[in-house]
Amino acid sequence: MTREIGGLLPPIPTPFDADENLALDHFRSNIERWNRQGYSGYVVLGSNGEFVHLTEHERWQALETARLVIPSDKLMIAGANFQSTREACEFARRVAAMRADAILMGMPHYYRESLTAERFIAHYRKIADASPIPIILYNVPQFTGLSLAADTVAHLAEHPNIVGIKDSSGNFGLLAEIVRLVPPRFSVLTGAAAIFYPALAVGARGAILAVSVVAPQACHEIMTAVATGHHARAAELQLRLLPVARAVTTQFGIAGLKAALDLLGYYGGPPRSPLAPASESVRAQIRDILRASGLIESLA
């Protein structure tokens, strides 16, 4: 039976040591600490997990480590981004054997002029047919230069093994139209913190947000406020969350997210080259942003 995809699902970073080798002990200890935060589960090797920077062997090492420490009552969603349908199908079969609960499958984009809606539909349906576990679509046009249209998502939602979408476009109109068109069983998740509250208000089932890695309590409270009809409180928290969310995404990128984790007493460490680690000046700015938000209990 397919488990419901929803709630707060942080896209957790993959840690590296000073020489940019996988730091699996730190990965394990971070997850063990996050397990106390009340998340519905995790996205492992999403964009913030630097899937594109890892070798195939490293990806399986990270997934195997995560599987050992993610409790069975929390979802483990494996991130993936392949240009080839064939490779995506092979990944789906292998990660299912590892007992992942679902796959967050990015869009091919290299040959973008040839990638029509019909090709995306064929691509995702073939993966869904091959996969023993559910597929979640991943729409992130700021990385791919392409976006899934709402009617394309609706067509894909007809497949029983395509169970949701993470829409990181930040386009509220697109997300709302997807919610309107898809069946009730299909989970629409926002990946854009800037529209977190309004996305929930129109029916998003949850969120996969980088900011939820560092400010889980505020994110949980926004979800609870919406669910209980306390929209003024949700709006207040949304506005306070915005600078923090911007700092760990568009403003300072993955390096900023990892620096924020260091400041919170987790292990962040550096991103992998060609990305650069946060400078001391950036770290100071992030500290000030976290402190000014009033949403962070303590800083290291």
Protein backbone atom coordinates (compact mmCIF):
# COMPACT_ATOMS: atom_id res chain seq x y z
CA MET A 1 0.00 0.00 0.00
CA THR A 2 1.38 3.41 -0.99
CA ARG A 3 2.10 5.67 1.97
CA GLU A 4 0.65 9.16 1.84
CA ILE A 5 3.18 11.74 0.70
CA GLY A 6 2.82 14.92 2.69
CA GLY A 7 3.83 16.98 5.68
CA LEU A 8 7.22 18.58 6.15
CA LEU A 9 9.98 16.78 4.24
CA PRO A 10 13.39 18.48 4.50
CA PRO A 11 15.80 18.07 1.57
CA ILE A 12 18.86 17.21 3.63
CA PRO A 13 22.38 18.20 2.56
CA THR A 14 25.10 15.64 1.91
CA PRO A 15 28.09 16.47 4.12
CA PHE A 16 31.69 16.52 2.94
CA ASP A 17 34.90 16.86 4.92
CA ALA A 18 37.55 19.51 4.29
CA ASP A 19 38.91 17.46 1.37
CA GLU A 20 35.41 17.12 -0.14
CA ASN A 21 35.12 13.42 0.69
CA LEU A 22 31.79 12.07 1.92
CA ALA A 23 31.45 12.58 5.68
CA LEU A 24 29.06 9.72 6.39
CA ASP A 25 29.52 9.78 10.17
CA HIS A 26 28.33 13.38 10.18
CA PHE A 27 25.48 12.46 7.84
CA ARG A 28 24.37 9.79 10.27
CA SER A 29 24.59 12.04 13.33
CA ASN A 30 22.73 14.89 11.60
CA ILE A 31 19.85 12.58 10.66
CA GLU A 32 19.70 11.13 14.17
CA ARG A 33 19.29 14.65 15.53
CA TRP A 34 16.75 15.62 12.84
CA ASN A 35 14.72 12.54 13.80
CA ARG A 36 13.66 14.46 16.92
CA GLN A 37 12.16 17.33 14.89
CA GLY A 38 8.84 15.73 13.95
CA TYR A 39 9.37 15.62 10.18
CA SER A 40 7.23 13.32 8.03
CA GLY A 41 10.42 12.08 6.42
CA TYR A 42 13.35 13.23 4.33
CA VAL A 43 14.46 13.82 0.78
CA VAL A 44 17.92 12.31 0.42
CA LEU A 45 20.05 13.41 -2.56
CA GLY A 46 17.76 16.14 -3.80
CA SER A 47 19.19 19.38 -5.13
CA ASN A 48 20.40 20.35 -1.65
CA GLY A 49 21.90 16.88 -1.35
CA GLU A 50 24.17 17.68 -4.33
CA PHE A 51 23.08 14.61 -6.32
CA VAL A 52 24.77 16.05 -9.40
CA HIS A 53 28.13 16.32 -7.58
CA LEU A 54 28.29 12.69 -6.45
CA THR A 55 29.66 9.65 -8.20
CA GLU A 56 27.31 6.71 -8.61
CA HIS A 57 29.11 4.84 -5.83
CA GLU A 58 28.83 7.82 -3.49
CA ARG A 59 25.11 8.13 -4.16
CA TRP A 60 24.53 4.57 -3.02
CA GLN A 61 26.76 5.07 0.01
CA ALA A 62 24.72 8.12 1.05
CA LEU A 63 21.40 6.37 0.47
CA GLU A 64 22.47 3.26 2.37
CA THR A 65 23.66 5.36 5.31
CA ALA A 66 20.42 7.33 5.39
CA ARG A 67 18.33 4.17 5.24
CA LEU A 68 20.06 2.82 8.34
CA VAL A 69 19.12 5.83 10.49
CA ILE A 70 15.78 7.00 9.09
CA PRO A 71 13.05 5.32 11.17
CA SER A 72 10.50 3.17 9.40
CA ASP A 73 7.69 5.54 10.40
CA LYS A 74 9.32 8.38 8.43
CA LEU A 75 9.40 8.55 4.66
CA MET A 76 12.70 8.19 2.87
CA ILE A 77 12.38 9.82 -0.54
CA ALA A 78 15.36 9.35 -2.83
CA GLY A 79 16.22 12.27 -5.07
CA ALA A 80 17.34 11.55 -8.62
CA ASN A 81 18.15 13.52 -11.74
CA PHE A 82 18.98 11.67 -14.93
CA GLN A 83 19.00 12.76 -18.55
CA SER A 84 18.25 9.22 -19.76
CA THR A 85 14.94 7.43 -19.21
CA ARG A 86 16.78 4.10 -19.18
CA GLU A 87 19.14 5.15 -16.38
CA ALA A 88 16.24 6.56 -14.37
CA CYS A 89 14.39 3.23 -14.63
CA GLU A 90 17.47 1.33 -13.47
CA PHE A 91 17.88 3.68 -10.51
CA ALA A 92 14.22 3.24 -9.56
CA ARG A 93 14.51 -0.54 -9.43
CA ARG A 94 17.69 -0.44 -7.37
CA VAL A 95 16.58 2.18 -4.85
CA ALA A 96 13.30 0.30 -4.35
CA ALA A 97 15.32 -2.75 -3.29
CA MET A 98 16.95 -0.50 -0.69
CA ARG A 99 13.49 0.16 0.78
CA ALA A 100 13.14 3.79 -0.21
CA ASP A 101 9.49 4.86 -0.03
CA ALA A 102 9.39 7.02 -3.16
CA ILE A 103 11.60 8.77 -5.71
CA LEU A 104 11.71 12.52 -6.37
CA MET A 105 12.54 12.39 -10.08
CA GLY A 106 13.94 15.47 -11.77
CA MET A 107 13.32 16.41 -15.39
CA PRO A 108 15.73 15.75 -18.25
CA HIS A 109 16.73 19.07 -19.75
CA TYR A 110 19.95 18.85 -21.75
CA TYR A 111 18.23 18.56 -25.14
CA ARG A 112 15.57 21.03 -24.11
CA GLU A 113 14.46 22.04 -27.62
CA SER A 114 13.37 18.44 -28.27
CA LEU A 115 11.70 17.91 -24.91
CA THR A 116 8.03 18.55 -25.54
CA ALA A 117 5.17 17.85 -23.15
CA GLU A 118 4.60 14.57 -24.99
CA ARG A 119 8.21 13.51 -24.36
CA PHE A 120 7.96 14.34 -20.65
CA ILE A 121 4.74 12.35 -20.38
CA ALA A 122 6.33 9.35 -22.11
CA HIS A 123 9.50 9.67 -20.00
CA TYR A 124 7.76 9.77 -16.63
CA ARG A 125 5.20 7.10 -17.53
CA LYS A 126 7.96 4.71 -18.55
CA ILE A 127 9.78 5.29 -15.26
CA ALA A 128 6.55 4.86 -13.30
CA ASP A 129 5.85 1.58 -15.12
CA ALA A 130 9.32 0.29 -14.27
CA SER A 131 9.48 1.51 -10.68
CA PRO A 132 8.34 -0.71 -7.80
CA ILE A 133 7.86 2.42 -5.68
CA PRO A 134 5.98 5.68 -6.32
CA ILE A 135 7.33 8.56 -8.39
CA ILE A 136 7.11 12.21 -7.38
CA LEU A 137 7.63 14.74 -10.18
CA TYR A 138 10.18 17.49 -9.56
CA ASN A 139 9.64 20.83 -11.27
CA VAL A 140 12.57 23.21 -10.74
CA PRO A 141 12.85 25.51 -13.79
CA GLN A 142 15.54 27.68 -12.20
CA PHE A 143 17.90 24.69 -12.58
CA THR A 144 16.58 23.03 -15.74
CA GLY A 145 15.37 25.98 -17.80
CA LEU A 146 12.13 24.01 -18.36
CA SER A 147 8.84 23.82 -16.49
CA LEU A 148 6.08 21.24 -16.41
CA ALA A 149 2.76 22.79 -17.42
CA ALA A 150 -0.24 22.20 -15.18
CA ASP A 151 -2.08 20.16 -17.81
CA THR A 152 1.02 17.98 -18.31
CA VAL A 153 1.09 17.29 -14.58
CA ALA A 154 -2.61 16.47 -14.69
CA HIS A 155 -2.01 13.93 -17.48
CA LEU A 156 0.82 12.35 -15.50
CA ALA A 157 -1.33 12.26 -12.35
CA GLU A 158 -3.56 9.74 -14.11
CA HIS A 159 -0.81 7.14 -13.72
CA PRO A 160 -1.34 5.22 -10.46
CA ASN A 161 2.37 5.15 -9.66
CA ILE A 162 2.89 8.90 -10.10
CA VAL A 163 1.70 10.19 -6.76
CA GLY A 164 2.79 13.80 -6.42
CA ILE A 165 4.89 16.76 -7.45
CA LYS A 166 7.41 19.01 -5.78
CA ASP A 167 6.96 22.35 -7.51
CA SER A 168 9.91 24.64 -6.80
CA SER A 169 9.06 27.19 -9.48
CA GLY A 170 7.76 29.71 -6.96
CA ASN A 171 4.94 30.40 -9.42
CA PHE A 172 1.86 30.46 -7.22
CA GLY A 173 -0.50 30.54 -10.20
CA LEU A 174 1.05 27.36 -11.57
CA LEU A 175 0.90 25.56 -8.25
CA ALA A 176 -2.74 26.57 -7.70
CA GLU A 177 -3.67 25.39 -11.19
CA ILE A 178 -1.99 22.04 -10.53
CA VAL A 179 -3.97 21.68 -7.29
CA ARG A 180 -7.15 22.45 -9.23
CA LEU A 181 -6.50 19.90 -11.97
CA VAL A 182 -5.08 16.85 -10.19
CA PRO A 183 -7.12 14.17 -8.39
CA PRO A 184 -7.40 14.20 -4.58
CA ARG A 185 -4.97 11.29 -4.16
CA PHE A 186 -2.17 13.30 -5.83
CA SER A 187 0.09 15.21 -3.42
CA VAL A 188 1.13 18.71 -4.43
CA LEU A 189 4.17 19.84 -2.43
CA THR A 190 5.75 23.26 -2.62
CA GLY A 191 9.51 23.59 -2.83
CA ALA A 192 9.43 27.39 -2.66
CA ALA A 193 9.44 28.89 0.84
CA ALA A 194 8.30 32.27 -0.53
CA ILE A 195 4.85 30.79 -1.21
CA PHE A 196 4.75 28.23 1.62
CA TYR A 197 1.71 29.66 3.41
CA PRO A 198 -0.36 30.48 0.30
CA ALA A 199 0.45 27.06 -1.19
CA LEU A 200 -0.92 25.34 1.90
CA ALA A 201 -3.94 27.64 1.90
CA VAL A 202 -4.99 26.48 -1.59
CA GLY A 203 -4.48 22.79 -0.90
CA ALA A 204 -0.80 21.82 -1.08
CA ARG A 205 -0.30 18.64 0.95
CA GLY A 206 3.05 19.70 2.37
CA ALA A 207 6.47 21.08 1.55
CA ILE A 208 10.04 20.13 0.71
CA LEU A 209 11.93 23.24 1.82
CA ALA A 210 15.61 23.91 2.45
CA VAL A 211 14.62 26.31 5.23
CA SER A 212 12.87 23.48 7.08
CA VAL A 213 16.31 21.97 7.70
CA VAL A 214 17.25 24.94 9.88
CA ALA A 215 13.88 26.28 11.10
CA PRO A 216 11.63 23.23 11.53
CA GLN A 217 9.57 24.62 14.40
CA ALA A 218 8.48 27.68 12.42
CA CYS A 219 7.61 25.54 9.39
CA HIS A 220 5.60 23.13 11.52
CA GLU A 221 3.77 26.03 13.14
CA ILE A 222 2.82 27.50 9.76
CA MET A 223 1.36 24.15 8.72
CA THR A 224 -0.55 23.80 11.99
CA ALA A 225 -1.85 27.36 11.78
CA VAL A 226 -3.22 26.80 8.28
CA ALA A 227 -4.78 23.47 9.25
CA THR A 228 -6.55 25.05 12.23
CA GLY A 229 -7.67 28.20 10.41
CA HIS A 230 -5.25 30.60 12.14
CA HIS A 231 -4.28 32.36 8.95
CA ALA A 232 -3.06 35.60 10.55
CA ARG A 233 -0.52 33.61 12.56
CA ALA A 234 0.53 31.68 9.47
CA ALA A 235 1.02 34.92 7.54
CA GLU A 236 3.07 36.45 10.35
CA LEU A 237 5.39 33.45 10.51
CA GLN A 238 5.64 33.33 6.72
CA LEU A 239 6.98 36.88 6.64
CA ARG A 240 9.48 36.21 9.44
CA LEU A 241 10.67 33.06 7.67
CA LEU A 242 11.37 34.76 4.34
CA PRO A 243 14.83 36.24 5.11
CA VAL A 244 16.00 32.93 6.59
CA ALA A 245 14.71 30.99 3.59
CA ARG A 246 16.37 33.41 1.18
CA ALA A 247 19.70 33.14 3.03
CA VAL A 248 19.85 29.34 2.69
CA THR A 249 18.67 29.27 -0.95
CA THR A 250 18.92 32.06 -3.51
CA GLN A 251 21.10 34.48 -1.53
CA PHE A 252 23.93 32.19 -0.38
CA GLY A 253 22.99 28.84 -1.93
CA ILE A 254 23.93 25.40 -0.62
CA ALA A 255 27.05 26.89 1.01
CA GLY A 256 24.73 29.16 3.00
CA LEU A 257 22.55 26.25 4.07
CA LYS A 258 25.57 24.30 5.24
CA ALA A 259 26.95 27.35 7.08
CA ALA A 260 23.61 27.76 8.84
CA LEU A 261 23.80 24.14 9.97
CA ASP A 262 27.26 24.75 11.40
CA LEU A 263 25.85 27.71 13.35
CA LEU A 264 23.05 25.51 14.72
CA GLY A 265 25.45 22.87 16.02
CA TYR A 266 24.91 20.37 13.21
CA TYR A 267 27.67 19.48 10.79
CA GLY A 268 27.36 21.54 7.62
CA GLY A 269 30.83 21.58 6.18
CA PRO A 270 31.70 22.71 2.66
CA PRO A 271 29.81 22.07 -0.57
CA ARG A 272 31.66 20.21 -3.30
CA SER A 273 33.57 22.09 -5.99
CA PRO A 274 32.93 24.00 -8.13
CA LEU A 275 30.75 25.48 -5.38
CA ALA A 276 32.71 27.43 -2.79
CA PRO A 277 32.23 27.34 0.99
CA ALA A 278 30.72 30.34 2.72
CA SER A 279 33.22 33.03 3.68
CA GLU A 280 33.50 34.34 7.24
CA SER A 281 31.67 37.47 6.09
CA VAL A 282 28.79 35.40 4.71
CA ARG A 283 28.69 33.32 7.89
CA ALA A 284 28.39 36.51 9.94
CA GLN A 285 25.53 37.70 7.74
CA ILE A 286 23.74 34.37 8.10
CA ARG A 287 24.16 34.48 11.88
CA ASP A 288 22.61 37.97 11.94
CA ILE A 289 19.70 36.85 9.73
CA LEU A 290 18.99 33.81 11.89
CA ARG A 291 19.13 35.86 15.08
CA ALA A 292 16.97 38.69 13.71
CA SER A 293 14.22 36.29 12.63
CA GLY A 294 13.46 35.29 16.21
CA LEU A 295 12.74 31.80 14.91
CA ILE A 296 15.97 30.10 15.96
CA GLU A 297 16.30 29.04 19.61
CA SER A 298 20.08 28.91 19.89
CA LEU A 299 23.16 29.43 17.76
CA ALA A 300 26.51 27.71 18.20
